[in-house]
N, C-alpha and C. Protein backbone atom coordinates (compact mmCIF):
# COMPACT_ATOMS: atom_id res chain seq x y z
N MET A 1 171.32 -100.78 -30.55
CA MET A 1 172.45 -100.48 -29.71
C MET A 1 173.19 -101.77 -29.39
N ALA A 2 174.42 -101.84 -29.71
CA ALA A 2 175.23 -103.03 -29.46
C ALA A 2 175.85 -102.96 -28.07
N GLU A 3 175.84 -104.08 -27.40
CA GLU A 3 176.46 -104.20 -26.08
C GLU A 3 177.44 -105.36 -26.13
N THR A 4 178.42 -105.33 -25.28
CA THR A 4 179.40 -106.40 -25.19
C THR A 4 179.08 -107.24 -23.96
N VAL A 5 179.01 -108.54 -24.17
CA VAL A 5 178.75 -109.47 -23.07
C VAL A 5 179.79 -110.58 -23.14
N ARG A 6 180.42 -110.88 -22.03
CA ARG A 6 181.39 -111.97 -21.99
C ARG A 6 180.65 -113.26 -21.65
N ILE A 7 180.92 -114.31 -22.42
CA ILE A 7 180.31 -115.60 -22.13
C ILE A 7 181.40 -116.66 -22.07
N ASP A 8 181.07 -117.74 -21.43
CA ASP A 8 181.96 -118.88 -21.28
C ASP A 8 182.34 -119.40 -22.68
N PRO A 9 183.59 -119.80 -22.88
CA PRO A 9 183.99 -120.33 -24.19
C PRO A 9 183.12 -121.49 -24.68
N ALA A 10 182.71 -122.36 -23.78
CA ALA A 10 181.85 -123.48 -24.19
C ALA A 10 180.49 -122.97 -24.67
N ALA A 11 179.97 -121.94 -24.01
CA ALA A 11 178.70 -121.36 -24.42
C ALA A 11 178.85 -120.69 -25.79
N HIS A 12 179.99 -120.04 -26.01
CA HIS A 12 180.23 -119.40 -27.31
C HIS A 12 180.29 -120.44 -28.42
N LEU A 13 180.98 -121.54 -28.15
CA LEU A 13 181.06 -122.61 -29.14
C LEU A 13 179.68 -123.17 -29.45
N ALA A 14 178.88 -123.39 -28.42
CA ALA A 14 177.52 -123.89 -28.62
C ALA A 14 176.71 -122.89 -29.43
N LEU A 15 176.87 -121.61 -29.14
CA LEU A 15 176.15 -120.57 -29.87
C LEU A 15 176.55 -120.55 -31.34
N VAL A 16 177.83 -120.70 -31.60
CA VAL A 16 178.32 -120.75 -32.99
C VAL A 16 177.70 -121.94 -33.71
N GLU A 17 177.67 -123.09 -33.05
CA GLU A 17 177.09 -124.29 -33.67
C GLU A 17 175.60 -124.11 -33.95
N ILE A 18 174.89 -123.52 -33.00
CA ILE A 18 173.46 -123.28 -33.18
C ILE A 18 173.23 -122.30 -34.34
N ALA A 19 173.99 -121.22 -34.36
CA ALA A 19 173.84 -120.22 -35.42
C ALA A 19 174.11 -120.84 -36.79
N ARG A 20 175.13 -121.65 -36.86
CA ARG A 20 175.47 -122.31 -38.12
C ARG A 20 174.34 -123.26 -38.55
N GLU A 21 173.85 -124.06 -37.60
CA GLU A 21 172.78 -125.03 -37.89
C GLU A 21 171.50 -124.34 -38.34
N LYS A 22 171.18 -123.21 -37.72
CA LYS A 22 169.94 -122.49 -38.01
C LYS A 22 170.09 -121.44 -39.11
N HIS A 23 171.32 -121.25 -39.58
CA HIS A 23 171.61 -120.28 -40.63
C HIS A 23 171.21 -118.86 -40.22
N VAL A 24 171.61 -118.49 -39.00
CA VAL A 24 171.36 -117.15 -38.48
C VAL A 24 172.66 -116.60 -37.91
N SER A 25 172.65 -115.31 -37.66
CA SER A 25 173.83 -114.68 -37.07
C SER A 25 173.96 -115.08 -35.60
N LEU A 26 175.14 -114.86 -35.04
CA LEU A 26 175.34 -115.12 -33.62
C LEU A 26 174.39 -114.24 -32.79
N THR A 27 174.19 -113.01 -33.21
CA THR A 27 173.29 -112.11 -32.50
C THR A 27 171.87 -112.65 -32.49
N GLU A 28 171.42 -113.13 -33.64
CA GLU A 28 170.06 -113.69 -33.72
C GLU A 28 169.95 -114.96 -32.89
N ALA A 29 170.94 -115.82 -32.95
CA ALA A 29 170.92 -117.05 -32.15
C ALA A 29 170.87 -116.72 -30.67
N LEU A 30 171.67 -115.76 -30.23
CA LEU A 30 171.68 -115.36 -28.83
C LEU A 30 170.34 -114.74 -28.43
N SER A 31 169.79 -113.90 -29.28
CA SER A 31 168.50 -113.27 -28.99
C SER A 31 167.41 -114.32 -28.83
N ARG A 32 167.41 -115.31 -29.70
CA ARG A 32 166.41 -116.38 -29.61
C ARG A 32 166.59 -117.19 -28.32
N ALA A 33 167.83 -117.47 -27.98
CA ALA A 33 168.12 -118.24 -26.76
C ALA A 33 167.66 -117.47 -25.52
N VAL A 34 167.93 -116.17 -25.50
CA VAL A 34 167.51 -115.35 -24.36
C VAL A 34 165.99 -115.33 -24.26
N GLU A 35 165.30 -115.20 -25.39
CA GLU A 35 163.84 -115.18 -25.38
C GLU A 35 163.28 -116.50 -24.86
N LEU A 36 163.85 -117.61 -25.29
CA LEU A 36 163.40 -118.91 -24.79
C LEU A 36 163.62 -119.03 -23.28
N TYR A 37 164.75 -118.54 -22.81
CA TYR A 37 165.04 -118.59 -21.38
C TYR A 37 164.10 -117.67 -20.61
N ARG A 38 163.80 -116.50 -21.17
CA ARG A 38 162.87 -115.57 -20.54
C ARG A 38 161.51 -116.23 -20.37
N ARG A 39 161.06 -116.94 -21.39
CA ARG A 39 159.78 -117.64 -21.32
C ARG A 39 159.81 -118.75 -20.27
N GLU A 40 160.92 -119.47 -20.21
CA GLU A 40 161.07 -120.54 -19.22
C GLU A 40 160.97 -119.98 -17.80
N VAL A 41 161.66 -118.87 -17.56
CA VAL A 41 161.62 -118.24 -16.23
C VAL A 41 160.21 -117.77 -15.91
N PHE A 42 159.53 -117.19 -16.90
CA PHE A 42 158.15 -116.74 -16.70
C PHE A 42 157.24 -117.91 -16.33
N LEU A 43 157.34 -119.00 -17.07
CA LEU A 43 156.49 -120.16 -16.81
C LEU A 43 156.80 -120.81 -15.47
N GLU A 44 158.06 -120.80 -15.07
CA GLU A 44 158.41 -121.29 -13.73
C GLU A 44 157.73 -120.44 -12.66
N GLY A 45 157.69 -119.14 -12.89
CA GLY A 45 157.00 -118.24 -11.96
C GLY A 45 155.52 -118.51 -11.89
N VAL A 46 154.90 -118.74 -13.05
CA VAL A 46 153.47 -119.05 -13.10
C VAL A 46 153.21 -120.37 -12.36
N ALA A 47 154.05 -121.36 -12.59
CA ALA A 47 153.88 -122.65 -11.92
C ALA A 47 154.02 -122.48 -10.40
N GLY A 48 154.96 -121.67 -9.98
CA GLY A 48 155.13 -121.41 -8.55
C GLY A 48 153.93 -120.70 -7.96
N ASP A 49 153.38 -119.75 -8.71
CA ASP A 49 152.19 -119.04 -8.25
C ASP A 49 151.01 -119.99 -8.10
N PHE A 50 150.83 -120.88 -9.07
CA PHE A 50 149.73 -121.85 -8.96
C PHE A 50 149.97 -122.83 -7.81
N ALA A 51 151.21 -123.20 -7.57
CA ALA A 51 151.51 -124.08 -6.44
C ALA A 51 151.16 -123.40 -5.13
N SER A 52 151.47 -122.12 -5.02
CA SER A 52 151.11 -121.36 -3.81
C SER A 52 149.60 -121.26 -3.67
N LEU A 53 148.92 -121.00 -4.78
CA LEU A 53 147.47 -120.91 -4.76
C LEU A 53 146.85 -122.23 -4.33
N ARG A 54 147.37 -123.30 -4.87
CA ARG A 54 146.84 -124.63 -4.56
C ARG A 54 147.09 -125.02 -3.11
N ALA A 55 148.16 -124.50 -2.53
CA ALA A 55 148.49 -124.81 -1.14
C ALA A 55 147.52 -124.13 -0.16
N ASP A 56 146.83 -123.11 -0.62
CA ASP A 56 145.84 -122.40 0.19
C ASP A 56 144.47 -122.94 -0.18
N ALA A 57 143.91 -123.80 0.67
CA ALA A 57 142.66 -124.50 0.35
C ALA A 57 141.53 -123.53 0.01
N GLY A 58 141.40 -122.44 0.77
CA GLY A 58 140.33 -121.48 0.51
C GLY A 58 140.50 -120.78 -0.82
N ALA A 59 141.71 -120.33 -1.09
CA ALA A 59 141.99 -119.65 -2.35
C ALA A 59 141.80 -120.59 -3.53
N TRP A 60 142.20 -121.85 -3.37
CA TRP A 60 142.04 -122.82 -4.46
C TRP A 60 140.57 -123.10 -4.71
N ALA A 61 139.77 -123.17 -3.66
CA ALA A 61 138.32 -123.38 -3.82
C ALA A 61 137.71 -122.21 -4.60
N GLU A 62 138.15 -121.00 -4.31
CA GLU A 62 137.66 -119.83 -5.05
C GLU A 62 138.05 -119.92 -6.52
N GLU A 63 139.27 -120.35 -6.78
CA GLU A 63 139.75 -120.50 -8.16
C GLU A 63 138.90 -121.52 -8.91
N GLU A 64 138.64 -122.66 -8.28
CA GLU A 64 137.83 -123.69 -8.92
C GLU A 64 136.40 -123.20 -9.15
N ALA A 65 135.85 -122.43 -8.21
CA ALA A 65 134.50 -121.88 -8.39
C ALA A 65 134.47 -120.94 -9.59
N GLU A 66 135.51 -120.13 -9.74
CA GLU A 66 135.57 -119.23 -10.89
C GLU A 66 135.68 -120.01 -12.19
N HIS A 67 136.43 -121.10 -12.18
CA HIS A 67 136.53 -121.94 -13.38
C HIS A 67 135.16 -122.49 -13.77
N ARG A 68 134.40 -122.91 -12.77
CA ARG A 68 133.06 -123.44 -13.07
C ARG A 68 132.18 -122.37 -13.71
N VAL A 69 132.28 -121.13 -13.24
CA VAL A 69 131.50 -120.05 -13.83
C VAL A 69 131.89 -119.85 -15.29
N TRP A 70 133.20 -119.82 -15.55
CA TRP A 70 133.66 -119.63 -16.92
C TRP A 70 133.32 -120.83 -17.80
N ASP A 71 133.41 -122.04 -17.24
CA ASP A 71 133.07 -123.23 -18.01
C ASP A 71 131.62 -123.20 -18.46
N ALA A 72 130.75 -122.61 -17.65
CA ALA A 72 129.33 -122.52 -18.01
C ALA A 72 129.14 -121.65 -19.25
N SER A 73 130.05 -120.71 -19.47
CA SER A 73 129.91 -119.84 -20.64
C SER A 73 130.18 -120.59 -21.94
N ASN A 74 130.78 -121.77 -21.84
CA ASN A 74 131.00 -122.57 -23.04
C ASN A 74 129.70 -123.11 -23.61
N ALA A 75 128.66 -123.16 -22.79
CA ALA A 75 127.38 -123.68 -23.24
C ALA A 75 126.55 -122.52 -23.79
N ASP A 76 127.10 -121.81 -24.74
CA ASP A 76 126.43 -120.62 -25.28
C ASP A 76 125.52 -120.96 -26.46
N GLY A 77 125.44 -122.24 -26.79
CA GLY A 77 124.56 -122.65 -27.88
C GLY A 77 125.17 -122.51 -29.26
N LEU A 78 126.38 -122.04 -29.32
CA LEU A 78 127.04 -121.88 -30.63
C LEU A 78 127.78 -123.17 -30.96
N GLU A 79 127.70 -123.54 -32.21
CA GLU A 79 128.41 -124.71 -32.66
C GLU A 79 129.90 -124.39 -32.80
N HIS A 80 130.71 -125.38 -32.56
CA HIS A 80 132.16 -125.18 -32.77
C HIS A 80 132.42 -125.02 -34.24
N GLU A 81 133.22 -124.06 -34.55
CA GLU A 81 133.52 -123.82 -35.97
C GLU A 81 134.81 -124.46 -36.36
């Protein structure tokens, strides 16, 4: 399903240049750019969540305790392949 989106002329020019450089359509270039931005926003959210967790001393202690439990599972006696 095609949708129409208005973008700033400078953004359109940048998109054209990217599409040309990558040898893809404008639609593909825009889709890739949106996906990269979506990932950036997601990771910013994760970083914010960890910052909140770390700010709570009790919750952070629980997190570290859980990490220690999981780290112990690495000593399963299996050689690294």
